[in-house]
Amino acid sequence: MTTDLTFDVVLLRLALSYAAAFLLGWNREELGHPAGMRTIVLLCLASCTAMLLGGLLLTETRGDTAGLSRLDLMRLPQGILAGIG
């Protein structure tokens, strides 16, 4: 996995997340489950965005040991994903 998050890479990851969520959500809607396509797509895009943000913050603050930038940055996506669950 690359550490350079260009605009193309971010769009590709969001598009792949959307495609997978669309397929799962469409299947759930066809089977009549309460959480359908819209819910699954929103959850997948939110979790993908949270992980992209966590990875970006982790690479931006690598090696900087002074002050508040030494936080545990993976707690941000962990908290978001726990809230979604």
N, C-alpha and C. Protein backbone atom coordinates (compact mmCIF):
# COMPACT_ATOMS: atom_id res chain seq x y z
N MET A 1 0.84 -1.16 0.00
CA MET A 1 0.00 0.00 0.00
C MET A 1 0.90 1.24 0.00
N THR A 2 0.55 2.18 -0.80
CA THR A 2 1.35 3.38 -0.96
C THR A 2 1.00 4.43 0.10
N THR A 3 1.98 5.25 0.45
CA THR A 3 1.73 6.31 1.42
C THR A 3 1.41 7.63 0.74
N ASP A 4 1.60 7.72 -0.57
CA ASP A 4 1.26 8.94 -1.30
C ASP A 4 -0.20 8.90 -1.70
N LEU A 5 -0.99 9.72 -1.03
CA LEU A 5 -2.42 9.78 -1.34
C LEU A 5 -2.66 10.94 -2.30
N THR A 6 -2.65 10.63 -3.58
CA THR A 6 -2.98 11.64 -4.57
C THR A 6 -4.49 11.69 -4.73
N PHE A 7 -4.95 12.68 -5.45
CA PHE A 7 -6.38 12.84 -5.68
C PHE A 7 -6.96 11.63 -6.42
N ASP A 8 -6.19 11.08 -7.35
CA ASP A 8 -6.65 9.91 -8.11
C ASP A 8 -6.81 8.69 -7.21
N VAL A 9 -5.88 8.50 -6.29
CA VAL A 9 -5.94 7.35 -5.38
C VAL A 9 -7.14 7.48 -4.45
N VAL A 10 -7.38 8.68 -3.94
CA VAL A 10 -8.52 8.90 -3.05
C VAL A 10 -9.83 8.64 -3.79
N LEU A 11 -9.93 9.16 -5.01
CA LEU A 11 -11.15 8.91 -5.80
C LEU A 11 -11.33 7.44 -6.13
N LEU A 12 -10.25 6.74 -6.43
CA LEU A 12 -10.34 5.32 -6.73
C LEU A 12 -10.82 4.53 -5.51
N ARG A 13 -10.27 4.84 -4.36
CA ARG A 13 -10.69 4.13 -3.14
C ARG A 13 -12.14 4.41 -2.79
N LEU A 14 -12.56 5.67 -2.94
CA LEU A 14 -13.96 6.00 -2.68
C LEU A 14 -14.89 5.33 -3.69
N ALA A 15 -14.46 5.27 -4.95
CA ALA A 15 -15.29 4.63 -5.98
C ALA A 15 -15.41 3.13 -5.74
N LEU A 16 -14.31 2.49 -5.36
CA LEU A 16 -14.37 1.06 -5.06
C LEU A 16 -15.24 0.78 -3.83
N SER A 17 -15.14 1.65 -2.85
CA SER A 17 -15.99 1.52 -1.66
C SER A 17 -17.46 1.68 -2.04
N TYR A 18 -17.74 2.64 -2.89
CA TYR A 18 -19.12 2.86 -3.33
C TYR A 18 -19.65 1.66 -4.12
N ALA A 19 -18.81 1.11 -5.00
CA ALA A 19 -19.25 -0.03 -5.81
C ALA A 19 -19.55 -1.25 -4.94
N ALA A 20 -18.68 -1.53 -3.99
CA ALA A 20 -18.92 -2.67 -3.10
C ALA A 20 -20.17 -2.45 -2.24
N ALA A 21 -20.35 -1.22 -1.75
CA ALA A 21 -21.52 -0.92 -0.93
C ALA A 21 -22.79 -0.99 -1.75
N PHE A 22 -22.72 -0.55 -3.00
CA PHE A 22 -23.89 -0.60 -3.86
C PHE A 22 -24.34 -2.05 -4.08
N LEU A 23 -23.39 -2.93 -4.34
CA LEU A 23 -23.74 -4.34 -4.54
C LEU A 23 -24.33 -4.97 -3.27
N LEU A 24 -23.71 -4.70 -2.14
CA LEU A 24 -24.23 -5.25 -0.88
C LEU A 24 -25.60 -4.67 -0.55
N GLY A 25 -25.74 -3.37 -0.72
CA GLY A 25 -27.01 -2.72 -0.41
C GLY A 25 -28.13 -3.16 -1.33
N TRP A 26 -27.81 -3.34 -2.59
CA TRP A 26 -28.82 -3.80 -3.56
C TRP A 26 -29.29 -5.20 -3.20
N ASN A 27 -28.36 -6.07 -2.80
CA ASN A 27 -28.71 -7.42 -2.39
C ASN A 27 -29.61 -7.39 -1.15
N ARG A 28 -29.28 -6.54 -0.19
CA ARG A 28 -30.09 -6.44 1.03
C ARG A 28 -31.48 -5.90 0.73
N GLU A 29 -31.57 -4.94 -0.20
CA GLU A 29 -32.87 -4.40 -0.55
C GLU A 29 -33.74 -5.43 -1.26
N GLU A 30 -33.12 -6.24 -2.10
CA GLU A 30 -33.87 -7.29 -2.80
C GLU A 30 -34.39 -8.33 -1.84
N LEU A 31 -33.65 -8.59 -0.77
CA LEU A 31 -34.08 -9.59 0.21
C LEU A 31 -35.03 -9.01 1.25
N GLY A 32 -35.23 -7.69 1.23
CA GLY A 32 -36.19 -7.06 2.13
C GLY A 32 -35.65 -6.74 3.51
N HIS A 33 -34.34 -6.65 3.67
CA HIS A 33 -33.77 -6.28 4.96
C HIS A 33 -33.98 -4.79 5.22
N PRO A 34 -34.06 -4.39 6.51
CA PRO A 34 -34.36 -2.99 6.80
C PRO A 34 -33.25 -2.02 6.39
N ALA A 35 -32.00 -2.39 6.51
CA ALA A 35 -30.89 -1.51 6.09
C ALA A 35 -30.61 -1.80 4.62
N GLY A 36 -31.08 -0.91 3.77
CA GLY A 36 -30.96 -1.14 2.34
C GLY A 36 -29.75 -0.47 1.73
N MET A 37 -29.89 -0.15 0.45
CA MET A 37 -28.78 0.36 -0.33
C MET A 37 -28.28 1.71 0.19
N ARG A 38 -29.15 2.64 0.47
CA ARG A 38 -28.74 3.97 0.89
C ARG A 38 -27.95 3.91 2.20
N THR A 39 -28.41 3.11 3.14
CA THR A 39 -27.74 3.00 4.43
C THR A 39 -26.36 2.39 4.29
N ILE A 40 -26.27 1.31 3.53
CA ILE A 40 -24.99 0.62 3.36
C ILE A 40 -24.00 1.51 2.62
N VAL A 41 -24.45 2.24 1.61
CA VAL A 41 -23.56 3.13 0.86
C VAL A 41 -23.03 4.23 1.77
N LEU A 42 -23.91 4.83 2.57
CA LEU A 42 -23.46 5.88 3.48
C LEU A 42 -22.46 5.36 4.51
N LEU A 43 -22.71 4.17 5.04
CA LEU A 43 -21.79 3.60 6.02
C LEU A 43 -20.43 3.29 5.40
N CYS A 44 -20.43 2.73 4.21
CA CYS A 44 -19.16 2.38 3.57
C CYS A 44 -18.37 3.62 3.18
N LEU A 45 -19.03 4.64 2.68
CA LEU A 45 -18.32 5.86 2.32
C LEU A 45 -17.79 6.58 3.56
N ALA A 46 -18.55 6.56 4.65
CA ALA A 46 -18.07 7.18 5.89
C ALA A 46 -16.87 6.44 6.46
N SER A 47 -16.90 5.11 6.43
CA SER A 47 -15.77 4.36 6.96
C SER A 47 -14.55 4.49 6.06
N CYS A 48 -14.75 4.55 4.75
CA CYS A 48 -13.63 4.75 3.83
C CYS A 48 -13.00 6.13 4.04
N THR A 49 -13.83 7.14 4.21
CA THR A 49 -13.32 8.49 4.45
C THR A 49 -12.57 8.56 5.78
N ALA A 50 -13.08 7.90 6.81
CA ALA A 50 -12.42 7.89 8.11
C ALA A 50 -11.05 7.23 8.02
N MET A 51 -10.95 6.13 7.31
CA MET A 51 -9.67 5.45 7.19
C MET A 51 -8.69 6.23 6.32
N LEU A 52 -9.19 6.90 5.28
CA LEU A 52 -8.32 7.75 4.48
C LEU A 52 -7.78 8.91 5.31
N LEU A 53 -8.63 9.51 6.12
CA LEU A 53 -8.21 10.61 6.97
C LEU A 53 -7.21 10.14 8.02
N GLY A 54 -7.46 9.00 8.63
CA GLY A 54 -6.53 8.46 9.62
C GLY A 54 -5.18 8.15 9.01
N GLY A 55 -5.17 7.56 7.83
CA GLY A 55 -3.90 7.28 7.15
C GLY A 55 -3.16 8.53 6.75
N LEU A 56 -3.90 9.54 6.30
CA LEU A 56 -3.27 10.80 5.92
C LEU A 56 -2.67 11.49 7.14
N LEU A 57 -3.40 11.53 8.24
CA LEU A 57 -2.88 12.15 9.46
C LEU A 57 -1.68 11.39 10.01
N LEU A 58 -1.70 10.07 9.87
CA LEU A 58 -0.60 9.26 10.36
C LEU A 58 0.67 9.53 9.57
N THR A 59 0.57 9.68 8.26
CA THR A 59 1.77 9.96 7.46
C THR A 59 2.22 11.40 7.60
N GLU A 60 1.31 12.32 7.86
CA GLU A 60 1.69 13.73 8.01
C GLU A 60 2.44 13.99 9.31
N THR A 61 2.12 13.28 10.37
CA THR A 61 2.73 13.53 11.67
C THR A 61 3.81 12.52 12.01
N ARG A 62 4.22 11.70 11.07
CA ARG A 62 5.26 10.70 11.34
C ARG A 62 6.58 11.40 11.62
N GLY A 63 7.24 11.02 12.66
CA GLY A 63 8.53 11.58 13.01
C GLY A 63 8.45 12.84 13.84
N ASP A 64 7.30 13.45 13.96
CA ASP A 64 7.15 14.66 14.76
C ASP A 64 6.77 14.25 16.18
N THR A 65 7.67 14.45 17.13
CA THR A 65 7.43 13.97 18.49
C THR A 65 7.10 15.09 19.46
N ALA A 66 6.88 16.30 18.97
CA ALA A 66 6.65 17.43 19.88
C ALA A 66 5.17 17.75 19.97
N GLY A 67 4.72 18.02 21.18
CA GLY A 67 3.38 18.57 21.41
C GLY A 67 2.23 17.64 21.10
N LEU A 68 1.16 18.24 20.61
CA LEU A 68 -0.09 17.51 20.41
C LEU A 68 -0.08 16.62 19.19
N SER A 69 0.90 16.74 18.32
CA SER A 69 0.92 15.91 17.12
C SER A 69 1.34 14.48 17.42
N ARG A 70 1.68 14.18 18.66
CA ARG A 70 2.08 12.83 19.05
C ARG A 70 0.87 12.05 19.56
N LEU A 71 -0.32 12.37 19.15
CA LEU A 71 -1.52 11.68 19.59
C LEU A 71 -1.65 10.33 18.90
N ASP A 72 -2.47 9.49 19.47
CA ASP A 72 -2.78 8.21 18.84
C ASP A 72 -3.81 8.47 17.75
N LEU A 73 -3.34 8.64 16.52
CA LEU A 73 -4.21 9.08 15.44
C LEU A 73 -5.16 8.02 14.93
N MET A 74 -4.92 6.78 15.23
CA MET A 74 -5.84 5.74 14.77
C MET A 74 -7.07 5.64 15.66
N ARG A 75 -7.13 6.41 16.73
CA ARG A 75 -8.34 6.44 17.54
C ARG A 75 -9.48 7.16 16.84
N LEU A 76 -9.16 8.09 15.95
CA LEU A 76 -10.19 8.81 15.20
C LEU A 76 -11.03 7.86 14.35
N PRO A 77 -10.42 7.10 13.42
CA PRO A 77 -11.26 6.17 12.65
C PRO A 77 -11.84 5.04 13.51
N GLN A 78 -11.14 4.65 14.55
CA GLN A 78 -11.66 3.60 15.43
C GLN A 78 -12.94 4.07 16.11
N GLY A 79 -12.96 5.31 16.58
CA GLY A 79 -14.16 5.85 17.22
C GLY A 79 -15.31 6.00 16.24
N ILE A 80 -15.01 6.46 15.03
CA ILE A 80 -16.05 6.61 14.02
C ILE A 80 -16.63 5.26 13.64
N LEU A 81 -15.78 4.28 13.43
CA LEU A 81 -16.26 2.96 13.04
C LEU A 81 -17.01 2.27 14.18
N ALA A 82 -16.61 2.51 15.42
CA ALA A 82 -17.34 1.95 16.55
C ALA A 82 -18.72 2.60 16.66
N GLY A 83 -18.80 3.89 16.38
CA GLY A 83 -20.09 4.57 16.39
C GLY A 83 -21.02 4.08 15.29
N ILE A 84 -20.46 3.76 14.14
CA ILE A 84 -21.26 3.23 13.04
C ILE A 84 -21.79 1.84 13.42
N GLY A 85 -20.95 1.05 14.05
CA GLY A 85 -21.36 -0.31 14.41
C GLY A 85 -22.40 -0.31 15.46
